[in-house]
Amino acid sequence: MDEKTAELRDLFVEATGEDAVTESQSTPRGSLERDLDDEAVDDRLDELIETMRERDDFSSSLSTPALRRVVRAFFDPDAAGADSETWSAAADAALASSLPSESEPEAAAIDAEDVFRARMDLHLVSDADREGPIPYETLRRHVLDAVDDDVGSSAVDNETLAAELSEAADADVALETARRYRRVVESDIASRRVNHRFRDAFADLLTDADLSTRLAEDARRDGLREATEDIETDVSL
């Protein structure tokens, strides 16, 4: 690989957030999954959630049925007054109040923090989650600087992170805010490591998969175009 080709590859990684061009691991488009009834969809969601739980140590203590309801709500704009782009702490609180049910009496103690923790375990990060006092990429670098690649979690304590973010933002960043941002970044990292496989699978089951895919591909392609527009492209690949 020559120098210019290597440079283009680095730009691709920076623009798309992917370490390599890989075959999609999510459910193939055009499958029959979108024609499944609600019970079959719930069964499939449970399978995906249990697979994630086996792969990673969930910080959430919610039951699988409660986690499934979190997934469904995240992709349903009517569930908590937010969608997968605008979902915020307010939506976490709104959903928490609706989770308890007669079939799940243990859910009575669920609060907004429980819902947020569950979303991060399930790779359900919204654009609103990434908004903060400093640009998200700057925030991401602060967390990545302290990431242990072997375990995929930040080694820095939240008090240190809060101090670093306060200095970068030239404003006070509360400890709880720093903890929330840290979880958001770590969830994004975990999702990228599996090529967003689980989030894409949830979307395939609960949304217009073709539309979601087109929007995601357009965003990644636009990001790559912006990153490479000033680079000479007359190279041999």
Protein backbone atom coordinates (compact mmCIF):
# COMPACT_ATOMS: atom_id res chain seq x y z
CA MET A 1 0.00 0.00 0.00
CA ASP A 2 1.58 3.32 -1.10
CA GLU A 3 1.50 6.53 0.94
CA LYS A 4 -1.52 8.08 -0.81
CA THR A 5 -3.54 4.88 -0.62
CA ALA A 6 -2.75 4.61 3.08
CA GLU A 7 -3.83 8.21 3.55
CA LEU A 8 -7.15 7.54 1.85
CA ARG A 9 -7.69 4.47 4.03
CA ASP A 10 -7.05 6.53 7.17
CA LEU A 11 -9.57 9.11 5.97
CA PHE A 12 -12.12 6.37 5.36
CA VAL A 13 -11.68 5.10 8.91
CA GLU A 14 -12.01 8.63 10.31
CA ALA A 15 -15.10 9.44 8.24
CA THR A 16 -17.01 6.19 8.79
CA GLY A 17 -15.84 5.12 12.22
CA GLU A 18 -15.02 1.66 10.87
CA ASP A 19 -11.63 -0.03 11.06
CA ALA A 20 -12.16 -2.02 7.89
CA VAL A 21 -14.54 -2.56 5.03
CA THR A 22 -16.45 -5.64 6.10
CA GLU A 23 -19.50 -7.50 4.93
CA SER A 24 -22.59 -6.42 6.85
CA GLN A 25 -23.33 -8.78 9.71
CA SER A 26 -26.91 -7.65 10.22
CA THR A 27 -29.95 -9.51 8.99
CA PRO A 28 -30.01 -9.49 5.17
CA ARG A 29 -32.26 -6.84 3.66
CA GLY A 30 -35.44 -8.06 2.07
CA SER A 31 -35.81 -10.90 4.56
CA LEU A 32 -39.18 -12.03 5.83
CA GLU A 33 -38.51 -10.64 9.31
CA ARG A 34 -40.46 -7.46 8.58
CA ASP A 35 -43.50 -9.64 7.86
CA LEU A 36 -43.39 -11.39 11.24
CA ASP A 37 -46.24 -10.88 13.70
CA ASP A 38 -45.66 -9.10 17.02
CA GLU A 39 -45.07 -12.31 18.95
CA ALA A 40 -42.45 -13.49 16.49
CA VAL A 41 -40.79 -10.07 16.53
CA ASP A 42 -40.68 -10.18 20.34
CA ASP A 43 -39.08 -13.62 20.21
CA ARG A 44 -36.42 -12.35 17.80
CA LEU A 45 -35.77 -9.26 19.93
CA ASP A 46 -35.34 -11.48 22.99
CA GLU A 47 -32.82 -13.63 21.10
CA LEU A 48 -30.79 -10.57 20.11
CA ILE A 49 -30.87 -9.16 23.64
CA GLU A 50 -29.78 -12.46 25.17
CA THR A 51 -26.97 -12.73 22.63
CA MET A 52 -25.76 -9.27 23.61
CA ARG A 53 -26.00 -10.13 27.30
CA GLU A 54 -23.87 -13.23 26.76
CA ARG A 55 -21.26 -11.27 24.79
CA ASP A 56 -20.95 -8.34 27.17
CA ASP A 57 -21.41 -7.67 30.86
CA PHE A 58 -24.64 -5.69 31.04
CA SER A 59 -24.67 -3.00 33.70
CA SER A 60 -28.48 -3.02 33.56
CA SER A 61 -30.39 -5.35 35.85
CA LEU A 62 -33.64 -5.09 33.85
CA SER A 63 -35.30 -8.32 32.75
CA THR A 64 -35.26 -9.33 29.11
CA PRO A 65 -38.95 -8.36 28.63
CA ALA A 66 -38.21 -4.90 30.09
CA LEU A 67 -35.15 -4.52 27.86
CA ARG A 68 -37.26 -5.52 24.87
CA ARG A 69 -39.72 -2.75 25.72
CA VAL A 70 -36.82 -0.29 25.84
CA VAL A 71 -35.78 -1.37 22.34
CA ARG A 72 -39.32 -1.09 21.01
CA ALA A 73 -39.79 2.36 22.53
CA PHE A 74 -36.51 3.66 21.14
CA PHE A 75 -37.71 3.02 17.59
CA ASP A 76 -41.30 4.17 18.26
CA PRO A 77 -41.69 8.00 18.20
CA ASP A 78 -45.02 7.72 20.05
CA ALA A 79 -43.70 5.73 23.01
CA ALA A 80 -41.91 8.54 24.85
CA GLY A 81 -42.26 11.57 22.59
CA ALA A 82 -38.84 11.05 20.98
CA ASP A 83 -37.22 9.05 18.20
CA SER A 84 -33.82 7.42 17.76
CA GLU A 85 -32.26 10.80 16.93
CA THR A 86 -33.85 13.02 19.58
CA TRP A 87 -34.06 10.57 22.50
CA SER A 88 -32.76 12.23 25.66
CA ALA A 89 -32.87 12.03 29.46
CA ALA A 90 -36.45 13.30 29.36
CA ALA A 91 -37.47 10.37 27.17
CA ASP A 92 -35.67 8.00 29.54
CA ALA A 93 -37.81 9.35 32.38
CA ALA A 94 -41.02 9.15 30.33
CA LEU A 95 -40.37 5.53 29.41
CA ALA A 96 -39.38 4.60 32.97
CA SER A 97 -42.77 5.71 34.22
CA SER A 98 -44.53 3.44 31.72
CA LEU A 99 -42.44 0.29 32.20
CA PRO A 100 -44.03 -1.14 35.40
CA SER A 101 -46.81 -3.59 34.67
CA GLU A 102 -48.84 -6.23 36.47
CA SER A 103 -46.81 -8.93 34.76
CA GLU A 104 -43.56 -7.34 35.95
CA PRO A 105 -44.10 -6.07 39.50
CA GLU A 106 -40.33 -5.86 40.00
CA ALA A 107 -40.28 -3.07 37.43
CA ALA A 108 -41.95 -0.67 39.87
CA ALA A 109 -38.58 0.74 40.95
CA ILE A 110 -37.35 1.53 37.41
CA ASP A 111 -36.17 5.11 36.96
CA ALA A 112 -34.65 7.19 34.14
CA GLU A 113 -31.11 6.07 35.02
CA ASP A 114 -32.17 2.42 34.66
CA VAL A 115 -33.53 3.11 31.18
CA PHE A 116 -30.39 5.03 30.17
CA ARG A 117 -28.13 2.24 31.42
CA ALA A 118 -30.21 -0.29 29.48
CA ARG A 119 -30.00 1.77 26.29
CA MET A 120 -26.22 1.96 26.54
CA ASP A 121 -25.99 -1.81 27.04
CA LEU A 122 -28.15 -2.25 23.92
CA HIS A 123 -26.11 0.22 21.79
CA LEU A 124 -29.11 2.55 21.52
CA VAL A 125 -27.31 5.91 21.45
CA SER A 126 -29.15 8.90 20.00
CA ASP A 127 -27.81 12.09 18.43
CA ALA A 128 -29.13 13.98 21.45
CA ASP A 129 -27.01 11.80 23.76
CA ARG A 130 -23.90 13.05 21.97
CA GLU A 131 -24.70 16.73 22.43
CA GLY A 132 -22.70 18.45 25.16
CA PRO A 133 -20.60 21.42 26.22
CA ILE A 134 -17.82 20.38 23.85
CA PRO A 135 -17.87 18.81 20.36
CA TYR A 136 -18.53 15.07 20.49
CA GLU A 137 -15.25 14.17 18.78
CA THR A 138 -13.38 16.10 21.46
CA LEU A 139 -15.36 14.31 24.14
CA ARG A 140 -14.71 10.99 22.43
CA ARG A 141 -10.96 11.64 22.35
CA HIS A 142 -10.91 12.38 26.09
CA VAL A 143 -12.55 9.03 26.80
CA LEU A 144 -10.56 7.12 24.17
CA ASP A 145 -7.30 8.38 25.66
CA ALA A 146 -8.14 6.36 28.75
CA VAL A 147 -9.64 3.29 27.11
CA ASP A 148 -8.15 -0.10 27.87
CA ASP A 149 -8.30 -1.89 24.51
CA ASP A 150 -8.30 -5.29 26.21
CA VAL A 151 -11.52 -4.75 28.09
CA GLY A 152 -13.09 -1.90 26.14
CA SER A 153 -13.88 0.29 29.13
CA SER A 154 -12.45 3.54 30.33
CA ALA A 155 -9.77 3.26 32.97
CA VAL A 156 -10.05 6.90 34.05
CA ASP A 157 -12.31 7.66 37.00
CA ASN A 158 -15.32 9.89 36.48
CA GLU A 159 -13.98 12.67 38.71
CA THR A 160 -10.87 12.98 36.54
CA LEU A 161 -12.97 12.94 33.38
CA ALA A 162 -15.27 15.62 34.79
CA ALA A 163 -12.25 17.81 35.53
CA GLU A 164 -10.83 17.31 32.03
CA LEU A 165 -14.16 18.08 30.36
CA SER A 166 -14.64 21.18 32.56
CA GLU A 167 -11.25 22.45 31.44
CA ALA A 168 -11.96 21.71 27.78
CA ALA A 169 -15.39 23.36 27.92
CA ASP A 170 -14.23 26.25 30.12
CA ALA A 171 -17.32 25.55 32.22
CA ASP A 172 -18.22 23.29 35.10
CA VAL A 173 -19.16 19.76 34.04
CA ALA A 174 -20.87 17.87 36.83
CA LEU A 175 -19.70 14.42 37.87
CA GLU A 176 -22.98 12.81 36.84
CA THR A 177 -22.82 14.53 33.45
CA ALA A 178 -19.30 13.24 32.87
CA ARG A 179 -20.42 9.74 33.84
CA ARG A 180 -23.27 9.92 31.32
CA TYR A 181 -21.01 11.13 28.50
CA ARG A 182 -18.53 8.39 29.28
CA ARG A 183 -21.21 5.70 28.97
CA VAL A 184 -22.38 7.20 25.66
CA VAL A 185 -18.88 7.07 24.19
CA GLU A 186 -18.27 3.55 25.46
CA SER A 187 -21.58 2.36 23.99
CA ASP A 188 -20.65 3.87 20.62
CA ILE A 189 -17.28 2.12 20.77
CA ALA A 190 -18.91 -1.22 21.61
CA SER A 191 -21.40 -0.82 18.76
CA ARG A 192 -18.69 -0.01 16.22
CA ARG A 193 -16.66 -3.04 17.29
CA VAL A 194 -19.48 -5.29 16.06
CA ASN A 195 -20.14 -3.15 12.97
CA HIS A 196 -23.41 -1.89 14.55
CA ARG A 197 -24.80 -5.39 14.02
CA PHE A 198 -27.27 -5.42 16.91
CA ARG A 199 -28.60 -1.90 16.44
CA ASP A 200 -29.11 -2.59 12.73
CA ALA A 201 -30.92 -5.83 13.55
CA PHE A 202 -33.26 -4.00 15.93
CA ALA A 203 -33.94 -1.39 13.24
CA ASP A 204 -34.63 -4.12 10.67
CA LEU A 205 -37.32 -5.56 12.91
CA LEU A 206 -38.93 -2.33 14.05
CA THR A 207 -38.49 0.28 11.31
CA ASP A 208 -38.41 0.70 7.55
CA ALA A 209 -35.08 -1.08 7.14
CA ASP A 210 -34.48 0.02 3.57
CA LEU A 211 -34.97 3.70 4.46
CA SER A 212 -32.75 3.39 7.53
CA THR A 213 -30.01 1.78 5.49
CA ARG A 214 -30.14 4.43 2.76
CA LEU A 215 -29.91 7.24 5.30
CA ALA A 216 -26.96 5.61 7.08
CA GLU A 217 -25.14 4.93 3.82
CA ASP A 218 -25.75 8.49 2.60
CA ALA A 219 -24.36 9.92 5.84
CA ARG A 220 -21.22 7.79 5.69
CA ARG A 221 -20.71 8.53 1.99
CA ASP A 222 -21.11 12.29 2.57
CA GLY A 223 -18.62 12.15 5.43
CA LEU A 224 -16.09 10.35 3.26
CA ARG A 225 -16.61 12.79 0.38
CA GLU A 226 -16.00 15.79 2.64
CA ALA A 227 -12.87 14.20 4.07
CA THR A 228 -11.37 13.40 0.66
CA GLU A 229 -12.47 16.32 -1.51
CA ASP A 230 -9.11 18.08 -1.15
CA ILE A 231 -7.02 14.95 -1.67
CA GLU A 232 -5.52 14.02 -5.03
CA THR A 233 -7.24 10.78 -5.99
CA ASP A 234 -5.12 9.72 -8.96
CA VAL A 235 -3.72 6.71 -7.14
CA SER A 236 -3.62 3.04 -7.95
CA LEU A 237 -5.59 0.88 -5.54
